[in-house]
Amino acid sequence: MCAADRFRTQPKNSLFMNVKPLLALAALATTAAHGVVLNGIDQANDAAYNPNWTNGSDGGTAGTFGAWLLTTTGSGNPNDAGRFIGSSTTVGAPGADINSSGESFGMFGHSNRASEAYRDFNGNTLGVGQTFSFDMAVNFRNGQKGVDIRNSSDVRIFNFNVGNLGSGDDYTVQFATTGNGSIGNAYSANTAFNLSFTQTSLTGGTWTIVRSGGQTGTDTGTYTGVIENFKFYNDNTSGGVAENNLFFNNLTVVPEPGAALLGSLGMLVLLRRRK
């Protein structure tokens, strides 16, 4: 006899009649746990990036993230795009502090050059109930800089862009299911964003952007698809000034799917005992 058949023998007012949907979700989480991301964190002060953040470097919690793929493109001088480890406060006077031990991941790309930093979750995908988050710090808004969130086919399912997309300097969401458009274009040299993505099902999830610093605010929406990799970029800003740099840090995946499942089952046991 299967578990579902056993539950059918309970009275209609049984607690189990009310928690069956939770058990179904738990079963779904068990299925989704195969090949999902390990929980973990990566920060710019990791030994893997000191003294240099280079192509193929791989820091943070073992098994959570794959190695970085770092590229530069464009028709200008190759030296006009690249990446480095430095303090996010140098983007302003001072800029937003998203550092770990005084360090963040930094990127520059100007004069028809672009810097791009790709990474995946070690070949896995975000599991149901998991959240991927990170911090960004910016100042000037010419050119384009930001992040693409992508599925296993490398298709963008979310983009957050700082810069000019044809309607003036702005902070803009694209490719999401809901919440696309400007999140407000009020400028501050001290601008930090925390971006988080929670996979709520096998077909999509929710995104949240929390702004802090000289301006504050929160925006939310939904995305369609399962997150498998991401790309940070800094493209064709003007000149070579520090205010045009993009900084990011504190890449985090929580919670571990197995822990979330055990927590759900533990709650069911507790409810049963109270009954």
C-alpha atoms as a PDB file:
ATOM      1  CA  MET A   1       0.000   0.000   0.000  1.00  0.00           C
ATOM      2  CA  CYS A   2       1.406   3.392  -0.934  1.00  0.00           C
ATOM      3  CA  ALA A   3       1.579   6.351   1.456  1.00  0.00           C
ATOM      4  CA  ALA A   4      -1.296   8.100  -0.318  1.00  0.00           C
ATOM      5  CA  ASP A   5      -3.549   5.040   0.226  1.00  0.00           C
ATOM      6  CA  ARG A   6      -2.734   5.003   3.937  1.00  0.00           C
ATOM      7  CA  PHE A   7      -3.703   8.657   4.278  1.00  0.00           C
ATOM      8  CA  ARG A   8      -7.074   7.965   2.638  1.00  0.00           C
ATOM      9  CA  THR A   9      -7.997   5.737   5.601  1.00  0.00           C
ATOM     10  CA  GLN A  10      -7.899   8.706   7.987  1.00  0.00           C
ATOM     11  CA  PRO A  11     -11.135  10.510   8.957  1.00  0.00           C
ATOM     12  CA  LYS A  12     -12.007  13.554   6.916  1.00  0.00           C
ATOM     13  CA  ASN A  13     -11.204  15.837   9.829  1.00  0.00           C
ATOM     14  CA  SER A  14      -7.809  14.256  10.364  1.00  0.00           C
ATOM     15  CA  LEU A  15      -4.836  16.559  10.512  1.00  0.00           C
ATOM     16  CA  PHE A  16      -3.276  14.540   7.717  1.00  0.00           C
ATOM     17  CA  MET A  17      -6.029  15.613   5.362  1.00  0.00           C
ATOM     18  CA  ASN A  18      -4.766  19.177   5.843  1.00  0.00           C
ATOM     19  CA  VAL A  19      -1.074  18.471   5.495  1.00  0.00           C
ATOM     20  CA  LYS A  20      -1.237  16.250   2.408  1.00  0.00           C
ATOM     21  CA  PRO A  21      -0.375  19.235   0.175  1.00  0.00           C
ATOM     22  CA  LEU A  22       2.725  19.815   2.292  1.00  0.00           C
ATOM     23  CA  LEU A  23       3.748  16.209   1.879  1.00  0.00           C
ATOM     24  CA  ALA A  24       3.313  16.547  -1.860  1.00  0.00           C
ATOM     25  CA  LEU A  25       5.604  19.566  -1.790  1.00  0.00           C
ATOM     26  CA  ALA A  26       8.112  17.616   0.269  1.00  0.00           C
ATOM     27  CA  ALA A  27       8.075  14.846  -2.322  1.00  0.00           C
ATOM     28  CA  LEU A  28       8.605  17.411  -5.038  1.00  0.00           C
ATOM     29  CA  ALA A  29      11.544  18.835  -3.120  1.00  0.00           C
ATOM     30  CA  THR A  30      13.055  15.365  -2.845  1.00  0.00           C
ATOM     31  CA  THR A  31      12.766  14.922  -6.608  1.00  0.00           C
ATOM     32  CA  ALA A  32      14.180  18.371  -7.305  1.00  0.00           C
ATOM     33  CA  ALA A  33      17.094  17.842  -4.917  1.00  0.00           C
ATOM     34  CA  HIS A  34      18.882  15.703  -7.494  1.00  0.00           C
ATOM     35  CA  GLY A  35      21.460  17.930  -9.173  1.00  0.00           C
ATOM     36  CA  VAL A  36      20.644  21.125  -7.283  1.00  0.00           C
ATOM     37  CA  VAL A  37      23.143  23.610  -5.908  1.00  0.00           C
ATOM     38  CA  LEU A  38      25.002  23.026  -2.658  1.00  0.00           C
ATOM     39  CA  ASN A  39      24.482  25.845  -0.194  1.00  0.00           C
ATOM     40  CA  GLY A  40      27.509  28.079   0.249  1.00  0.00           C
ATOM     41  CA  ILE A  41      29.113  31.486  -0.118  1.00  0.00           C
ATOM     42  CA  ASP A  42      31.914  33.131  -2.062  1.00  0.00           C
ATOM     43  CA  GLN A  43      33.563  36.452  -1.244  1.00  0.00           C
ATOM     44  CA  ALA A  44      36.319  38.498  -2.819  1.00  0.00           C
ATOM     45  CA  ASN A  45      38.695  38.065   0.124  1.00  0.00           C
ATOM     46  CA  ASP A  46      38.929  34.307  -0.550  1.00  0.00           C
ATOM     47  CA  ALA A  47      42.499  33.110  -1.000  1.00  0.00           C
ATOM     48  CA  ALA A  48      41.658  31.951  -4.531  1.00  0.00           C
ATOM     49  CA  TYR A  49      41.515  35.613  -5.644  1.00  0.00           C
ATOM     50  CA  ASN A  50      44.553  36.969  -3.918  1.00  0.00           C
ATOM     51  CA  PRO A  51      46.640  38.519  -5.246  1.00  0.00           C
ATOM     52  CA  ASN A  52      44.642  38.326  -8.535  1.00  0.00           C
ATOM     53  CA  TRP A  53      41.166  37.365  -9.742  1.00  0.00           C
ATOM     54  CA  THR A  54      41.994  35.406 -12.898  1.00  0.00           C
ATOM     55  CA  ASN A  55      40.213  33.273 -15.493  1.00  0.00           C
ATOM     56  CA  GLY A  56      39.564  29.807 -14.059  1.00  0.00           C
ATOM     57  CA  SER A  57      39.855  30.869 -10.425  1.00  0.00           C
ATOM     58  CA  ASP A  58      37.371  29.149  -8.135  1.00  0.00           C
ATOM     59  CA  GLY A  59      36.842  30.326  -4.567  1.00  0.00           C
ATOM     60  CA  GLY A  60      34.160  29.951  -1.950  1.00  0.00           C
ATOM     61  CA  THR A  61      32.439  26.925  -0.455  1.00  0.00           C
ATOM     62  CA  ALA A  62      33.654  23.781  -2.190  1.00  0.00           C
ATOM     63  CA  GLY A  63      31.161  22.465  -4.742  1.00  0.00           C
ATOM     64  CA  THR A  64      28.751  25.424  -4.719  1.00  0.00           C
ATOM     65  CA  PHE A  65      30.105  27.400  -7.667  1.00  0.00           C
ATOM     66  CA  GLY A  66      32.037  26.480 -10.785  1.00  0.00           C
ATOM     67  CA  ALA A  67      35.197  28.244 -11.929  1.00  0.00           C
ATOM     68  CA  TRP A  68      34.983  31.802 -13.283  1.00  0.00           C
ATOM     69  CA  LEU A  69      35.068  32.355 -17.052  1.00  0.00           C
ATOM     70  CA  LEU A  70      36.454  35.876 -17.539  1.00  0.00           C
ATOM     71  CA  THR A  71      36.452  37.500 -20.978  1.00  0.00           C
ATOM     72  CA  THR A  72      36.844  40.888 -22.624  1.00  0.00           C
ATOM     73  CA  THR A  73      35.312  41.933 -25.943  1.00  0.00           C
ATOM     74  CA  GLY A  74      35.083  44.956 -28.222  1.00  0.00           C
ATOM     75  CA  SER A  75      37.024  46.928 -30.802  1.00  0.00           C
ATOM     76  CA  GLY A  76      39.017  49.201 -28.525  1.00  0.00           C
ATOM     77  CA  ASN A  77      42.305  48.777 -26.678  1.00  0.00           C
ATOM     78  CA  PRO A  78      42.324  45.415 -24.848  1.00  0.00           C
ATOM     79  CA  ASN A  79      43.666  47.194 -21.765  1.00  0.00           C
ATOM     80  CA  ASP A  80      40.437  49.207 -21.527  1.00  0.00           C
ATOM     81  CA  ALA A  81      38.510  46.263 -20.044  1.00  0.00           C
ATOM     82  CA  GLY A  82      39.282  43.877 -17.219  1.00  0.00           C
ATOM     83  CA  ARG A  83      38.697  42.919 -13.632  1.00  0.00           C
ATOM     84  CA  PHE A  84      40.405  43.204 -10.261  1.00  0.00           C
ATOM     85  CA  ILE A  85      40.011  42.779  -6.512  1.00  0.00           C
ATOM     86  CA  GLY A  86      39.535  46.089  -4.704  1.00  0.00           C
ATOM     87  CA  SER A  87      37.385  48.100  -2.324  1.00  0.00           C
ATOM     88  CA  SER A  88      33.872  49.027  -3.446  1.00  0.00           C
ATOM     89  CA  THR A  89      34.169  52.311  -1.551  1.00  0.00           C
ATOM     90  CA  THR A  90      36.523  53.605  -4.271  1.00  0.00           C
ATOM     91  CA  VAL A  91      33.566  53.903  -6.668  1.00  0.00           C
ATOM     92  CA  GLY A  92      32.585  57.116  -4.855  1.00  0.00           C
ATOM     93  CA  ALA A  93      33.879  59.434  -2.184  1.00  0.00           C
ATOM     94  CA  PRO A  94      33.157  57.103  -0.552  1.00  0.00           C
ATOM     95  CA  GLY A  95      31.042  54.608  -2.457  1.00  0.00           C
ATOM     96  CA  ALA A  96      28.868  51.874  -0.968  1.00  0.00           C
ATOM     97  CA  ASP A  97      30.663  49.353   1.231  1.00  0.00           C
ATOM     98  CA  ILE A  98      29.826  45.765   0.185  1.00  0.00           C
ATOM     99  CA  ASN A  99      33.315  44.516   1.041  1.00  0.00           C
ATOM    100  CA  SER A 100      34.479  41.435   2.887  1.00  0.00           C
ATOM    101  CA  SER A 101      37.706  42.291   4.740  1.00  0.00           C
ATOM    102  CA  GLY A 102      37.963  45.416   2.588  1.00  0.00           C
ATOM    103  CA  GLU A 103      37.621  43.623  -0.759  1.00  0.00           C
ATOM    104  CA  SER A 104      35.032  43.137  -3.523  1.00  0.00           C
ATOM    105  CA  PHE A 105      35.087  41.872  -7.113  1.00  0.00           C
ATOM    106  CA  GLY A 106      35.663  44.830  -9.451  1.00  0.00           C
ATOM    107  CA  MET A 107      35.122  45.199 -13.223  1.00  0.00           C
ATOM    108  CA  PHE A 108      35.819  47.935 -15.762  1.00  0.00           C
ATOM    109  CA  GLY A 109      35.059  48.314 -19.458  1.00  0.00           C
ATOM    110  CA  HIS A 110      35.275  51.579 -21.355  1.00  0.00           C
ATOM    111  CA  SER A 111      36.048  53.104 -24.754  1.00  0.00           C
ATOM    112  CA  ASN A 112      34.238  50.413 -26.804  1.00  0.00           C
ATOM    113  CA  ARG A 113      35.428  47.546 -24.629  1.00  0.00           C
ATOM    114  CA  ALA A 114      33.479  45.233 -22.315  1.00  0.00           C
ATOM    115  CA  SER A 115      34.453  43.008 -19.399  1.00  0.00           C
ATOM    116  CA  GLU A 116      32.342  39.899 -18.675  1.00  0.00           C
ATOM    117  CA  ALA A 117      32.452  37.410 -15.785  1.00  0.00           C
ATOM    118  CA  TYR A 118      30.502  34.151 -16.213  1.00  0.00           C
ATOM    119  CA  ARG A 119      29.874  31.522 -13.564  1.00  0.00           C
ATOM    120  CA  ASP A 120      27.596  28.547 -12.980  1.00  0.00           C
ATOM    121  CA  PHE A 121      26.608  26.452  -9.965  1.00  0.00           C
ATOM    122  CA  ASN A 122      29.114  23.706 -10.647  1.00  0.00           C
ATOM    123  CA  GLY A 123      26.831  22.210 -13.311  1.00  0.00           C
ATOM    124  CA  ASN A 124      23.759  22.219 -11.065  1.00  0.00           C
ATOM    125  CA  THR A 125      20.600  24.332 -10.902  1.00  0.00           C
ATOM    126  CA  LEU A 126      18.894  26.259  -8.131  1.00  0.00           C
ATOM    127  CA  GLY A 127      16.541  23.943  -6.240  1.00  0.00           C
ATOM    128  CA  VAL A 128      12.993  24.631  -5.122  1.00  0.00           C
ATOM    129  CA  GLY A 129      13.193  26.662  -1.910  1.00  0.00           C
ATOM    130  CA  GLN A 130      16.745  27.876  -2.503  1.00  0.00           C
ATOM    131  CA  THR A 131      17.755  31.535  -2.748  1.00  0.00           C
ATOM    132  CA  PHE A 132      20.734  32.927  -4.658  1.00  0.00           C
ATOM    133  CA  SER A 133      21.799  36.432  -3.620  1.00  0.00           C
ATOM    134  CA  PHE A 134      24.647  38.923  -3.972  1.00  0.00           C
ATOM    135  CA  ASP A 135      25.521  42.605  -3.470  1.00  0.00           C
ATOM    136  CA  MET A 136      26.388  45.212  -6.130  1.00  0.00           C
ATOM    137  CA  ALA A 137      27.862  48.715  -5.777  1.00  0.00           C
ATOM    138  CA  VAL A 138      27.820  51.341  -8.553  1.00  0.00           C
ATOM    139  CA  ASN A 139      28.138  55.076  -9.118  1.00  0.00           C
ATOM    140  CA  PHE A 140      28.164  56.580 -12.640  1.00  0.00           C
ATOM    141  CA  ARG A 141      25.495  55.300 -15.047  1.00  0.00           C
ATOM    142  CA  ASN A 142      26.914  55.847 -18.534  1.00  0.00           C
ATOM    143  CA  GLY A 143      27.445  52.801 -20.731  1.00  0.00           C
ATOM    144  CA  GLN A 144      25.932  49.587 -19.365  1.00  0.00           C
ATOM    145  CA  LYS A 145      26.813  47.484 -16.348  1.00  0.00           C
ATOM    146  CA  GLY A 146      24.912  44.844 -14.430  1.00  0.00           C
ATOM    147  CA  VAL A 147      24.037  41.157 -14.282  1.00  0.00           C
ATOM    148  CA  ASP A 148      22.273  38.505 -16.389  1.00  0.00           C
ATOM    149  CA  ILE A 149      20.566  35.558 -14.660  1.00  0.00           C
ATOM    150  CA  ARG A 150      20.309  32.618 -17.080  1.00  0.00           C
ATOM    151  CA  ASN A 151      18.905  29.107 -17.467  1.00  0.00           C
ATOM    152  CA  SER A 152      20.715  25.934 -18.547  1.00  0.00           C
ATOM    153  CA  SER A 153      20.409  26.982 -22.202  1.00  0.00           C
ATOM    154  CA  ASP A 154      22.196  30.268 -21.374  1.00  0.00           C
ATOM    155  CA  VAL A 155      18.976  32.185 -22.065  1.00  0.00           C
ATOM    156  CA  ARG A 156      18.471  35.291 -19.950  1.00  0.00           C
ATOM    157  CA  ILE A 157      15.513  34.999 -17.592  1.00  0.00           C
ATOM    158  CA  PHE A 158      16.389  38.173 -15.693  1.00  0.00           C
ATOM    159  CA  ASN A 159      18.607  41.206 -16.256  1.00  0.00           C
ATOM    160  CA  PHE A 160      19.398  44.165 -14.031  1.00  0.00           C
ATOM    161  CA  ASN A 161      21.116  46.981 -15.903  1.00  0.00           C
ATOM    162  CA  VAL A 162      22.658  50.208 -14.663  1.00  0.00           C
ATOM    163  CA  GLY A 163      23.106  52.678 -17.497  1.00  0.00           C
ATOM    164  CA  ASN A 164      21.518  54.010 -20.647  1.00  0.00           C
ATOM    165  CA  LEU A 165      19.065  51.714 -22.456  1.00  0.00           C
ATOM    166  CA  GLY A 166      17.740  54.473 -24.696  1.00  0.00           C
ATOM    167  CA  SER A 167      15.601  56.321 -22.151  1.00  0.00           C
ATOM    168  CA  GLY A 168      18.283  58.035 -20.091  1.00  0.00           C
ATOM    169  CA  ASP A 169      20.475  56.895 -17.214  1.00  0.00           C
ATOM    170  CA  ASP A 170      18.472  54.456 -15.111  1.00  0.00           C
ATOM    171  CA  TYR A 171      18.304  51.249 -13.068  1.00  0.00           C
ATOM    172  CA  THR A 172      16.267  48.784 -15.131  1.00  0.00           C
ATOM    173  CA  VAL A 173      14.927  45.213 -14.931  1.00  0.00           C
ATOM    174  CA  GLN A 174      14.498  43.246 -18.188  1.00  0.00           C
ATOM    175  CA  PHE A 175      13.522  39.699 -19.266  1.00  0.00           C
ATOM    176  CA  ALA A 176      11.632  38.965 -16.039  1.00  0.00           C
ATOM    177  CA  THR A 177       8.056  37.683 -16.074  1.00  0.00           C
ATOM    178  CA  THR A 178       6.773  40.535 -13.904  1.00  0.00           C
ATOM    179  CA  GLY A 179       8.342  43.729 -12.587  1.00  0.00           C
ATOM    180  CA  ASN A 180      10.179  44.797 -15.739  1.00  0.00           C
ATOM    181  CA  GLY A 181      11.138  48.432 -16.243  1.00  0.00           C
ATOM    182  CA  SER A 182      12.769  51.169 -14.203  1.00  0.00           C
ATOM    183  CA  ILE A 183      12.985  50.656 -10.444  1.00  0.00           C
ATOM    184  CA  GLY A 184      13.502  54.427 -10.051  1.00  0.00           C
ATOM    185  CA  ASN A 185      16.257  56.577 -11.526  1.00  0.00           C
ATOM    186  CA  ALA A 186      17.149  58.776  -8.534  1.00  0.00           C
ATOM    187  CA  TYR A 187      20.949  59.104  -8.546  1.00  0.00           C
ATOM    188  CA  SER A 188      23.370  58.663  -5.668  1.00  0.00           C
ATOM    189  CA  ALA A 189      27.126  58.160  -5.733  1.00  0.00           C
ATOM    190  CA  ASN A 190      26.656  55.851  -2.743  1.00  0.00           C
ATOM    191  CA  THR A 191      24.474  53.149  -4.315  1.00  0.00           C
ATOM    192  CA  ALA A 192      24.308  49.512  -3.252  1.00  0.00           C
ATOM    193  CA  PHE A 193      21.879  46.830  -4.363  1.00  0.00           C
ATOM    194  CA  ASN A 194      21.176  43.439  -2.844  1.00  0.00           C
ATOM    195  CA  LEU A 195      19.665  41.110  -5.456  1.00  0.00           C
ATOM    196  CA  SER A 196      18.039  37.831  -4.423  1.00  0.00           C
ATOM    197  CA  PHE A 197      16.350  35.083  -6.450  1.00  0.00           C
ATOM    198  CA  THR A 198      14.200  32.411  -4.822  1.00  0.00           C
ATOM    199  CA  GLN A 199      13.271  29.334  -6.854  1.00  0.00           C
ATOM    200  CA  THR A 200       9.655  28.765  -5.777  1.00  0.00           C
ATOM    201  CA  SER A 201       8.844  25.962  -8.232  1.00  0.00           C
ATOM    202  CA  LEU A 202      10.361  23.868 -10.997  1.00  0.00           C
ATOM    203  CA  THR A 203       9.171  26.495 -13.486  1.00  0.00           C
ATOM    204  CA  GLY A 204      10.045  29.837 -11.907  1.00  0.00           C
ATOM    205  CA  GLY A 205      10.594  31.998  -8.878  1.00  0.00           C
ATOM    206  CA  THR A 206      10.666  35.468  -7.373  1.00  0.00           C
ATOM    207  CA  TRP A 207      13.273  38.224  -7.500  1.00  0.00           C
ATOM    208  CA  THR A 208      13.888  41.075  -5.073  1.00  0.00           C
ATOM    209  CA  ILE A 209      16.136  44.142  -5.338  1.00  0.00           C
ATOM    210  CA  VAL A 210      16.831  46.131  -2.178  1.00  0.00           C
ATOM    211  CA  ARG A 211      18.576  49.473  -2.669  1.00  0.00           C
ATOM    212  CA  SER A 212      20.584  51.105   0.124  1.00  0.00           C
ATOM    213  CA  GLY A 213      22.989  54.015   0.522  1.00  0.00           C
ATOM    214  CA  GLY A 214      22.038  57.501  -0.580  1.00  0.00           C
ATOM    215  CA  GLN A 215      18.676  56.202  -1.861  1.00  0.00           C
ATOM    216  CA  THR A 216      16.590  53.339  -0.477  1.00  0.00           C
ATOM    217  CA  GLY A 217      13.819  51.159  -1.862  1.00  0.00           C
ATOM    218  CA  THR A 218      12.636  47.610  -2.563  1.00  0.00           C
ATOM    219  CA  ASP A 219      11.313  46.119  -5.817  1.00  0.00           C
ATOM    220  CA  THR A 220      10.042  42.596  -6.455  1.00  0.00           C
ATOM    221  CA  GLY A 221       8.708  40.451  -9.279  1.00  0.00           C
ATOM    222  CA  THR A 222       8.793  36.979 -10.783  1.00  0.00           C
ATOM    223  CA  TYR A 223      10.900  35.119 -13.320  1.00  0.00           C
ATOM    224  CA  THR A 224      10.194  32.049 -15.453  1.00  0.00           C
ATOM    225  CA  GLY A 225      12.666  29.180 -15.624  1.00  0.00           C
ATOM    226  CA  VAL A 226      15.283  27.530 -13.428  1.00  0.00           C
ATOM    227  CA  ILE A 227      18.511  29.405 -12.657  1.00  0.00           C
ATOM    228  CA  GLU A 228      21.684  27.648 -13.799  1.00  0.00           C
ATOM    229  CA  ASN A 229      24.298  30.379 -14.350  1.00  0.00           C
ATOM    230  CA  PHE A 230      24.897  34.126 -14.322  1.00  0.00           C
ATOM    231  CA  LYS A 231      27.036  36.835 -15.902  1.00  0.00           C
ATOM    232  CA  PHE A 232      28.273  40.182 -14.563  1.00  0.00           C
ATOM    233  CA  TYR A 233      29.313  42.785 -17.141  1.00  0.00           C
ATOM    234  CA  ASN A 234      30.691  46.312 -17.520  1.00  0.00           C
ATOM    235  CA  ASP A 235      30.372  47.602 -21.078  1.00  0.00           C
ATOM    236  CA  ASN A 236      31.493  50.740 -22.916  1.00  0.00           C
ATOM    237  CA  THR A 237      31.493  53.315 -20.148  1.00  0.00           C
ATOM    238  CA  SER A 238      33.198  56.633 -20.788  1.00  0.00           C
ATOM    239  CA  GLY A 239      36.848  57.224 -19.960  1.00  0.00           C
ATOM    240  CA  GLY A 240      38.710  55.193 -17.391  1.00  0.00           C
ATOM    241  CA  VAL A 241      37.550  56.679 -14.091  1.00  0.00           C
ATOM    242  CA  ALA A 242      36.901  54.751 -10.888  1.00  0.00           C
ATOM    243  CA  GLU A 243      33.306  55.981 -10.701  1.00  0.00           C
ATOM    244  CA  ASN A 244      32.445  53.810 -13.730  1.00  0.00           C
ATOM    245  CA  ASN A 245      33.610  50.560 -12.116  1.00  0.00           C
ATOM    246  CA  LEU A 246      31.149  47.829 -11.154  1.00  0.00           C
ATOM    247  CA  PHE A 247      31.650  46.024  -7.853  1.00  0.00           C
ATOM    248  CA  PHE A 248      29.885  42.912  -6.552  1.00  0.00           C
ATOM    249  CA  ASN A 249      30.423  40.546  -3.644  1.00  0.00           C
ATOM    250  CA  ASN A 250      28.917  38.081  -1.150  1.00  0.00           C
ATOM    251  CA  LEU A 251      27.547  35.468  -3.565  1.00  0.00           C
ATOM    252  CA  THR A 252      25.364  33.212  -1.413  1.00  0.00           C
ATOM    253  CA  VAL A 253      23.115  30.167  -1.864  1.00  0.00           C
ATOM    254  CA  VAL A 254      20.779  29.163   1.008  1.00  0.00           C
ATOM    255  CA  PRO A 255      19.385  26.882   2.313  1.00  0.00           C
ATOM    256  CA  GLU A 256      20.596  23.420   1.462  1.00  0.00           C
ATOM    257  CA  PRO A 257      17.593  21.590  -0.106  1.00  0.00           C
ATOM    258  CA  GLY A 258      17.989  18.594   2.192  1.00  0.00           C
ATOM    259  CA  ALA A 259      17.849  20.794   5.279  1.00  0.00           C
ATOM    260  CA  ALA A 260      14.704  22.533   4.044  1.00  0.00           C
ATOM    261  CA  LEU A 261      13.049  19.166   3.427  1.00  0.00           C
ATOM    262  CA  LEU A 262      13.971  17.847   6.876  1.00  0.00           C
ATOM    263  CA  GLY A 263      12.602  21.027   8.407  1.00  0.00           C
ATOM    264  CA  SER A 264       9.269  20.536   6.637  1.00  0.00           C
ATOM    265  CA  LEU A 265       9.014  16.922   7.726  1.00  0.00           C
ATOM    266  CA  GLY A 266       9.969  17.887  11.291  1.00  0.00           C
ATOM    267  CA  MET A 267       7.105  20.367  11.373  1.00  0.00           C
ATOM    268  CA  LEU A 268       4.696  17.657  10.228  1.00  0.00           C
ATOM    269  CA  VAL A 269       5.857  15.385  13.070  1.00  0.00           C
ATOM    270  CA  LEU A 270       5.396  18.207  15.569  1.00  0.00           C
ATOM    271  CA  LEU A 271       1.881  18.940  14.303  1.00  0.00           C
ATOM    272  CA  ARG A 272       0.984  15.251  14.514  1.00  0.00           C
ATOM    273  CA  ARG A 273       2.183  15.043  18.136  1.00  0.00           C
ATOM    274  CA  ARG A 274       0.125  18.100  19.076  1.00  0.00           C
ATOM    275  CA  LYS A 275      -2.917  16.433  17.534  1.00  0.00           C
END
